[in-house]
Amino acid sequence: MADQFLVPDGESYTELTVKNSKFIGQCFPVKSEKEVKEIIKNLRELHPGARHVVYAFKLGMKNSQTLGMSDDGEPKGTAGRPALQVLDGSNVTNVLCTIVRYFGGTLLGTGGLVKAYTQSAKDAIANLKTKIYVEEISINLTVPYELYNQVKYIIEKSNIKICKEEFKENIIIEIKIAKDELEIFQDKIREISSGTIEIR
C-alpha cells in the first residue's frame, strides 16, 4: 500500500570515518518532540568530546507530520538538512536520526560535510529494523462479572493489549486496539453480551 508507513522496531547504530572525523549515526523510535530533546541531551552527556550532535526527526502521519532538524554548529544546511532529506525520502516515521561527529583535524568543506552527513543518515536508516505502523485507539469496556472470562478470552485471542483493569461494581477494562479491527471486535462483544457491555 502506497500510504502505508513504517516505524522503528528498535534502534540502529553505524560509524563512518571521513578524513579522521568520526560520524556516529543512530536512529531511535520517538513519539514526541519531548522525547527527541531527551535523547539529544543524553547523547551530549554520552559524548562530551564530540564536536557536534546533529539531528533530524519526523513525527506523525501524512498531512499532519512534524519535521525538525539541527546543524548544531556545522555550516548552515550541511548537516541537519541532508539528514532530514534522507528521513523525508524514506517511508519511516516517528523516527529520530542523530549523527555525532568527532572532529578529526581536517576541514571537509561544505560538499564534504553534506556527503558525510547524508551517508551517515542513509546508513542509520538502512540498518534500522522497522515494522508497519498500525493506528491504535483506546477504548473502555464496562463488563459485568459473569461475562468477564468470555471477554478476556476474546481479547486474548485477538492479541489486543490490555492497558488497565478496574474491579468495581462492574469491571472496567481499558484496551488498545488497531482502528481497522474495532468493528469486528465490537461485533464479537455484542454477540456474547446482547448489548449489556458498554463500549466507549
C-alpha atoms as a PDB file:
ATOM      1  CA  MET A   1       0.000   0.000   0.000  1.00  0.00           C
ATOM      2  CA  ALA A   2       1.410   3.383  -1.012  1.00  0.00           C
ATOM      3  CA  ASP A   3       0.111   5.183   2.061  1.00  0.00           C
ATOM      4  CA  GLN A   4       1.492   2.599   4.484  1.00  0.00           C
ATOM      5  CA  PHE A   5       4.036   3.955   6.946  1.00  0.00           C
ATOM      6  CA  LEU A   6       6.823   2.178   8.774  1.00  0.00           C
ATOM      7  CA  VAL A   7       8.012   2.934  12.292  1.00  0.00           C
ATOM      8  CA  PRO A   8      11.267   1.894  14.002  1.00  0.00           C
ATOM      9  CA  ASP A   9      11.290  -1.501  15.682  1.00  0.00           C
ATOM     10  CA  GLY A  10      14.296  -0.767  17.898  1.00  0.00           C
ATOM     11  CA  GLU A  11      17.382   1.392  17.331  1.00  0.00           C
ATOM     12  CA  SER A  12      20.266   1.399  14.847  1.00  0.00           C
ATOM     13  CA  TYR A  13      23.963   2.285  15.143  1.00  0.00           C
ATOM     14  CA  THR A  14      26.545   2.960  12.406  1.00  0.00           C
ATOM     15  CA  GLU A  15      30.003   4.506  12.187  1.00  0.00           C
ATOM     16  CA  LEU A  16      31.633   6.335   9.287  1.00  0.00           C
ATOM     17  CA  THR A  17      35.157   7.798   9.179  1.00  0.00           C
ATOM     18  CA  VAL A  18      35.978  10.602   6.729  1.00  0.00           C
ATOM     19  CA  LYS A  19      39.489  12.147   6.873  1.00  0.00           C
ATOM     20  CA  ASN A  20      39.850  11.135  10.554  1.00  0.00           C
ATOM     21  CA  SER A  21      36.467  12.647  11.525  1.00  0.00           C
ATOM     22  CA  LYS A  22      34.208  10.011  13.025  1.00  0.00           C
ATOM     23  CA  PHE A  23      30.479  10.184  12.338  1.00  0.00           C
ATOM     24  CA  ILE A  24      28.249   8.025  14.564  1.00  0.00           C
ATOM     25  CA  GLY A  25      24.811   7.643  13.001  1.00  0.00           C
ATOM     26  CA  GLN A  26      21.870   6.369  15.037  1.00  0.00           C
ATOM     27  CA  CYS A  27      18.104   6.078  14.672  1.00  0.00           C
ATOM     28  CA  PHE A  28      15.651   5.995  17.567  1.00  0.00           C
ATOM     29  CA  PRO A  29      11.883   5.471  17.805  1.00  0.00           C
ATOM     30  CA  VAL A  30      10.201   8.668  19.071  1.00  0.00           C
ATOM     31  CA  LYS A  31       6.617   9.826  19.512  1.00  0.00           C
ATOM     32  CA  SER A  32       7.107  13.454  20.578  1.00  0.00           C
ATOM     33  CA  GLU A  33       9.496  16.410  20.422  1.00  0.00           C
ATOM     34  CA  LYS A  34       9.978  15.987  24.175  1.00  0.00           C
ATOM     35  CA  GLU A  35      11.452  12.513  23.573  1.00  0.00           C
ATOM     36  CA  VAL A  36      13.708  14.000  20.857  1.00  0.00           C
ATOM     37  CA  LYS A  37      15.090  16.571  23.336  1.00  0.00           C
ATOM     38  CA  GLU A  38      15.715  13.911  25.987  1.00  0.00           C
ATOM     39  CA  ILE A  39      17.665  11.678  23.581  1.00  0.00           C
ATOM     40  CA  ILE A  40      19.783  14.623  22.326  1.00  0.00           C
ATOM     41  CA  LYS A  41      20.535  15.634  25.932  1.00  0.00           C
ATOM     42  CA  ASN A  42      21.594  12.037  26.742  1.00  0.00           C
ATOM     43  CA  LEU A  43      23.820  11.872  23.650  1.00  0.00           C
ATOM     44  CA  ARG A  44      25.574  15.118  24.598  1.00  0.00           C
ATOM     45  CA  GLU A  45      26.286  13.627  28.044  1.00  0.00           C
ATOM     46  CA  LEU A  46      27.421  10.341  26.477  1.00  0.00           C
ATOM     47  CA  HIS A  47      29.784  12.062  24.006  1.00  0.00           C
ATOM     48  CA  PRO A  48      31.327  15.033  25.869  1.00  0.00           C
ATOM     49  CA  GLY A  49      34.297  15.054  23.460  1.00  0.00           C
ATOM     50  CA  ALA A  50      32.174  15.278  20.308  1.00  0.00           C
ATOM     51  CA  ARG A  51      32.258  18.499  18.286  1.00  0.00           C
ATOM     52  CA  HIS A  52      28.668  18.250  17.002  1.00  0.00           C
ATOM     53  CA  VAL A  53      25.446  16.342  17.746  1.00  0.00           C
ATOM     54  CA  VAL A  54      23.418  16.817  14.572  1.00  0.00           C
ATOM     55  CA  TYR A  55      19.872  15.506  14.294  1.00  0.00           C
ATOM     56  CA  ALA A  56      16.700  15.314  12.230  1.00  0.00           C
ATOM     57  CA  PHE A  57      13.307  13.876  13.095  1.00  0.00           C
ATOM     58  CA  LYS A  58       9.973  13.023  11.515  1.00  0.00           C
ATOM     59  CA  LEU A  59       6.800  12.546  13.565  1.00  0.00           C
ATOM     60  CA  GLY A  60       3.229  11.660  12.635  1.00  0.00           C
ATOM     61  CA  MET A  61       1.417  10.537   9.532  1.00  0.00           C
ATOM     62  CA  LYS A  62       0.936  12.109   6.097  1.00  0.00           C
ATOM     63  CA  ASN A  63      -0.787  15.539   6.141  1.00  0.00           C
ATOM     64  CA  SER A  64      -0.013  16.021   9.841  1.00  0.00           C
ATOM     65  CA  GLN A  65       3.731  15.480  10.012  1.00  0.00           C
ATOM     66  CA  THR A  66       6.156  17.377  12.209  1.00  0.00           C
ATOM     67  CA  LEU A  67       9.701  17.672  10.877  1.00  0.00           C
ATOM     68  CA  GLY A  68      12.690  19.129  12.701  1.00  0.00           C
ATOM     69  CA  MET A  69      16.475  19.329  12.493  1.00  0.00           C
ATOM     70  CA  SER A  70      19.618  20.954  13.860  1.00  0.00           C
ATOM     71  CA  ASP A  71      23.058  21.599  12.306  1.00  0.00           C
ATOM     72  CA  ASP A  72      24.445  22.029  15.850  1.00  0.00           C
ATOM     73  CA  GLY A  73      27.173  24.477  14.809  1.00  0.00           C
ATOM     74  CA  GLU A  74      28.029  22.985  11.417  1.00  0.00           C
ATOM     75  CA  PRO A  75      27.698  25.424   8.464  1.00  0.00           C
ATOM     76  CA  LYS A  76      24.022  26.038   7.743  1.00  0.00           C
ATOM     77  CA  GLY A  77      22.389  23.395   5.543  1.00  0.00           C
ATOM     78  CA  THR A  78      25.363  20.988   5.591  1.00  0.00           C
ATOM     79  CA  ALA A  79      24.260  18.604   8.357  1.00  0.00           C
ATOM     80  CA  GLY A  80      20.682  18.632   9.683  1.00  0.00           C
ATOM     81  CA  ARG A  81      19.073  19.287   6.294  1.00  0.00           C
ATOM     82  CA  PRO A  82      20.798  16.388   4.478  1.00  0.00           C
ATOM     83  CA  ALA A  83      19.789  14.061   7.326  1.00  0.00           C
ATOM     84  CA  LEU A  84      16.200  15.346   7.177  1.00  0.00           C
ATOM     85  CA  GLN A  85      16.080  14.840   3.405  1.00  0.00           C
ATOM     86  CA  VAL A  86      17.069  11.191   3.908  1.00  0.00           C
ATOM     87  CA  LEU A  87      14.307  10.779   6.523  1.00  0.00           C
ATOM     88  CA  ASP A  88      11.755  12.593   4.393  1.00  0.00           C
ATOM     89  CA  GLY A  89      12.573  10.379   1.432  1.00  0.00           C
ATOM     90  CA  SER A  90      12.033   7.235   3.479  1.00  0.00           C
ATOM     91  CA  ASN A  91       8.702   5.694   4.408  1.00  0.00           C
ATOM     92  CA  VAL A  92       9.696   5.668   8.079  1.00  0.00           C
ATOM     93  CA  THR A  93       8.037   7.997  10.577  1.00  0.00           C
ATOM     94  CA  ASN A  94       8.154   8.567  14.360  1.00  0.00           C
ATOM     95  CA  VAL A  95      11.928   8.434  13.974  1.00  0.00           C
ATOM     96  CA  LEU A  96      14.896  10.483  15.181  1.00  0.00           C
ATOM     97  CA  CYS A  97      18.203  10.284  13.286  1.00  0.00           C
ATOM     98  CA  THR A  98      21.252  11.572  15.164  1.00  0.00           C
ATOM     99  CA  ILE A  99      24.811  11.984  13.903  1.00  0.00           C
ATOM    100  CA  VAL A 100      27.539  12.579  16.474  1.00  0.00           C
ATOM    101  CA  ARG A 101      30.746  13.985  14.946  1.00  0.00           C
ATOM    102  CA  TYR A 102      34.177  13.703  16.464  1.00  0.00           C
ATOM    103  CA  PHE A 103      36.371  16.195  14.571  1.00  0.00           C
ATOM    104  CA  GLY A 104      39.488  14.632  13.059  1.00  0.00           C
ATOM    105  CA  GLY A 105      41.508  17.803  12.455  1.00  0.00           C
ATOM    106  CA  THR A 106      40.792  18.169   8.716  1.00  0.00           C
ATOM    107  CA  LEU A 107      38.094  20.509   7.411  1.00  0.00           C
ATOM    108  CA  LEU A 108      35.806  18.700   4.976  1.00  0.00           C
ATOM    109  CA  GLY A 109      34.284  21.746   3.243  1.00  0.00           C
ATOM    110  CA  THR A 110      30.565  22.172   2.657  1.00  0.00           C
ATOM    111  CA  GLY A 111      30.371  19.493  -0.057  1.00  0.00           C
ATOM    112  CA  GLY A 112      32.284  17.013   2.094  1.00  0.00           C
ATOM    113  CA  LEU A 113      30.041  17.673   5.084  1.00  0.00           C
ATOM    114  CA  VAL A 114      26.837  17.233   3.092  1.00  0.00           C
ATOM    115  CA  LYS A 115      28.172  13.954   1.686  1.00  0.00           C
ATOM    116  CA  ALA A 116      29.270  12.624   5.110  1.00  0.00           C
ATOM    117  CA  TYR A 117      26.047  13.542   6.930  1.00  0.00           C
ATOM    118  CA  THR A 118      23.885  12.202   4.075  1.00  0.00           C
ATOM    119  CA  GLN A 119      25.794   8.901   4.087  1.00  0.00           C
ATOM    120  CA  SER A 120      25.568   8.599   7.899  1.00  0.00           C
ATOM    121  CA  ALA A 121      21.807   9.147   7.824  1.00  0.00           C
ATOM    122  CA  LYS A 122      21.387   6.654   4.939  1.00  0.00           C
ATOM    123  CA  ASP A 123      23.426   4.019   6.800  1.00  0.00           C
ATOM    124  CA  ALA A 124      21.466   4.573  10.036  1.00  0.00           C
ATOM    125  CA  ILE A 125      18.123   4.190   8.225  1.00  0.00           C
ATOM    126  CA  ALA A 126      19.385   1.167   6.241  1.00  0.00           C
ATOM    127  CA  ASN A 127      20.401  -0.597   9.478  1.00  0.00           C
ATOM    128  CA  LEU A 128      17.115   0.176  11.227  1.00  0.00           C
ATOM    129  CA  LYS A 129      14.604  -2.608  11.782  1.00  0.00           C
ATOM    130  CA  THR A 130      11.092  -1.369  11.051  1.00  0.00           C
ATOM    131  CA  LYS A 131       7.503  -2.543  11.350  1.00  0.00           C
ATOM    132  CA  ILE A 132       4.266  -1.417   9.721  1.00  0.00           C
ATOM    133  CA  TYR A 133       2.614   1.436  11.598  1.00  0.00           C
ATOM    134  CA  VAL A 134      -0.809   0.466  12.914  1.00  0.00           C
ATOM    135  CA  GLU A 135      -3.068   3.238  14.171  1.00  0.00           C
ATOM    136  CA  GLU A 136      -4.392   2.245  17.587  1.00  0.00           C
ATOM    137  CA  ILE A 137      -7.194   3.694  19.661  1.00  0.00           C
ATOM    138  CA  SER A 138      -8.024   3.281  23.353  1.00  0.00           C
ATOM    139  CA  ILE A 139     -11.476   2.083  24.396  1.00  0.00           C
ATOM    140  CA  ASN A 140     -13.091   1.182  27.705  1.00  0.00           C
ATOM    141  CA  LEU A 141     -15.365  -1.803  28.242  1.00  0.00           C
ATOM    142  CA  THR A 142     -17.734  -1.929  31.198  1.00  0.00           C
ATOM    143  CA  VAL A 143     -18.148  -5.663  31.792  1.00  0.00           C
ATOM    144  CA  PRO A 144     -20.478  -7.492  34.230  1.00  0.00           C
ATOM    145  CA  TYR A 145     -18.560 -10.041  36.349  1.00  0.00           C
ATOM    146  CA  GLU A 146     -20.387 -13.008  34.809  1.00  0.00           C
ATOM    147  CA  LEU A 147     -19.117 -12.092  31.313  1.00  0.00           C
ATOM    148  CA  TYR A 148     -15.532 -11.276  32.349  1.00  0.00           C
ATOM    149  CA  ASN A 149     -13.981 -14.630  31.340  1.00  0.00           C
ATOM    150  CA  GLN A 150     -15.640 -14.590  27.917  1.00  0.00           C
ATOM    151  CA  VAL A 151     -14.481 -11.032  27.248  1.00  0.00           C
ATOM    152  CA  LYS A 152     -10.922 -11.866  28.366  1.00  0.00           C
ATOM    153  CA  TYR A 153     -10.945 -14.868  26.019  1.00  0.00           C
ATOM    154  CA  ILE A 154     -11.935 -12.658  23.036  1.00  0.00           C
ATOM    155  CA  ILE A 155      -9.310 -10.037  23.954  1.00  0.00           C
ATOM    156  CA  GLU A 156      -6.514 -12.608  24.291  1.00  0.00           C
ATOM    157  CA  LYS A 157      -7.493 -14.462  21.111  1.00  0.00           C
ATOM    158  CA  SER A 158      -7.464 -11.159  19.198  1.00  0.00           C
ATOM    159  CA  ASN A 159      -3.956 -10.236  20.507  1.00  0.00           C
ATOM    160  CA  ILE A 160      -5.293  -6.973  21.964  1.00  0.00           C
ATOM    161  CA  LYS A 161      -3.320  -5.087  24.614  1.00  0.00           C
ATOM    162  CA  ILE A 162      -4.968  -4.595  28.000  1.00  0.00           C
ATOM    163  CA  CYS A 163      -3.852  -1.272  29.481  1.00  0.00           C
ATOM    164  CA  LYS A 164      -5.810  -1.319  32.744  1.00  0.00           C
ATOM    165  CA  GLU A 165      -8.465  -3.246  34.653  1.00  0.00           C
ATOM    166  CA  GLU A 166     -10.595  -1.837  37.478  1.00  0.00           C
ATOM    167  CA  PHE A 167     -12.769  -4.137  39.568  1.00  0.00           C
ATOM    168  CA  LYS A 168     -15.711  -2.089  40.819  1.00  0.00           C
ATOM    169  CA  GLU A 169     -19.459  -2.666  40.592  1.00  0.00           C
ATOM    170  CA  ASN A 170     -18.637  -3.889  37.088  1.00  0.00           C
ATOM    171  CA  ILE A 171     -15.179  -4.484  35.629  1.00  0.00           C
ATOM    172  CA  ILE A 172     -13.771  -1.646  33.545  1.00  0.00           C
ATOM    173  CA  ILE A 173     -11.202  -2.875  31.026  1.00  0.00           C
ATOM    174  CA  GLU A 174      -9.149  -0.356  29.065  1.00  0.00           C
ATOM    175  CA  ILE A 175      -7.681  -1.756  25.861  1.00  0.00           C
ATOM    176  CA  LYS A 176      -5.690  -0.562  22.850  1.00  0.00           C
ATOM    177  CA  ILE A 177      -6.892  -1.875  19.524  1.00  0.00           C
ATOM    178  CA  ALA A 178      -5.989  -1.352  15.870  1.00  0.00           C
ATOM    179  CA  LYS A 179      -8.505   1.091  14.410  1.00  0.00           C
ATOM    180  CA  ASP A 180      -9.380  -1.191  11.492  1.00  0.00           C
ATOM    181  CA  GLU A 181     -10.105  -4.131  13.831  1.00  0.00           C
ATOM    182  CA  LEU A 182     -12.504  -2.219  16.079  1.00  0.00           C
ATOM    183  CA  GLU A 183     -15.729  -3.036  14.228  1.00  0.00           C
ATOM    184  CA  ILE A 184     -15.121  -6.818  14.224  1.00  0.00           C
ATOM    185  CA  PHE A 185     -14.215  -6.708  17.929  1.00  0.00           C
ATOM    186  CA  GLN A 186     -17.366  -4.712  18.804  1.00  0.00           C
ATOM    187  CA  ASP A 187     -19.500  -7.252  16.916  1.00  0.00           C
ATOM    188  CA  LYS A 188     -17.983 -10.155  18.905  1.00  0.00           C
ATOM    189  CA  ILE A 189     -18.579  -8.343  22.222  1.00  0.00           C
ATOM    190  CA  ARG A 190     -22.203  -7.525  21.294  1.00  0.00           C
ATOM    191  CA  GLU A 191     -22.748 -11.144  20.305  1.00  0.00           C
ATOM    192  CA  ILE A 192     -21.779 -12.552  23.720  1.00  0.00           C
ATOM    193  CA  SER A 193     -23.408  -9.785  25.753  1.00  0.00           C
ATOM    194  CA  SER A 194     -26.631  -8.933  23.862  1.00  0.00           C
ATOM    195  CA  GLY A 195     -25.579  -5.281  24.226  1.00  0.00           C
ATOM    196  CA  THR A 196     -25.098  -5.353  28.025  1.00  0.00           C
ATOM    197  CA  ILE A 197     -21.398  -4.471  27.760  1.00  0.00           C
ATOM    198  CA  GLU A 198     -20.822  -0.746  27.355  1.00  0.00           C
ATOM    199  CA  ILE A 199     -18.087   0.160  24.848  1.00  0.00           C
ATOM    200  CA  ARG A 200     -16.727   3.692  24.769  1.00  0.00           C
END
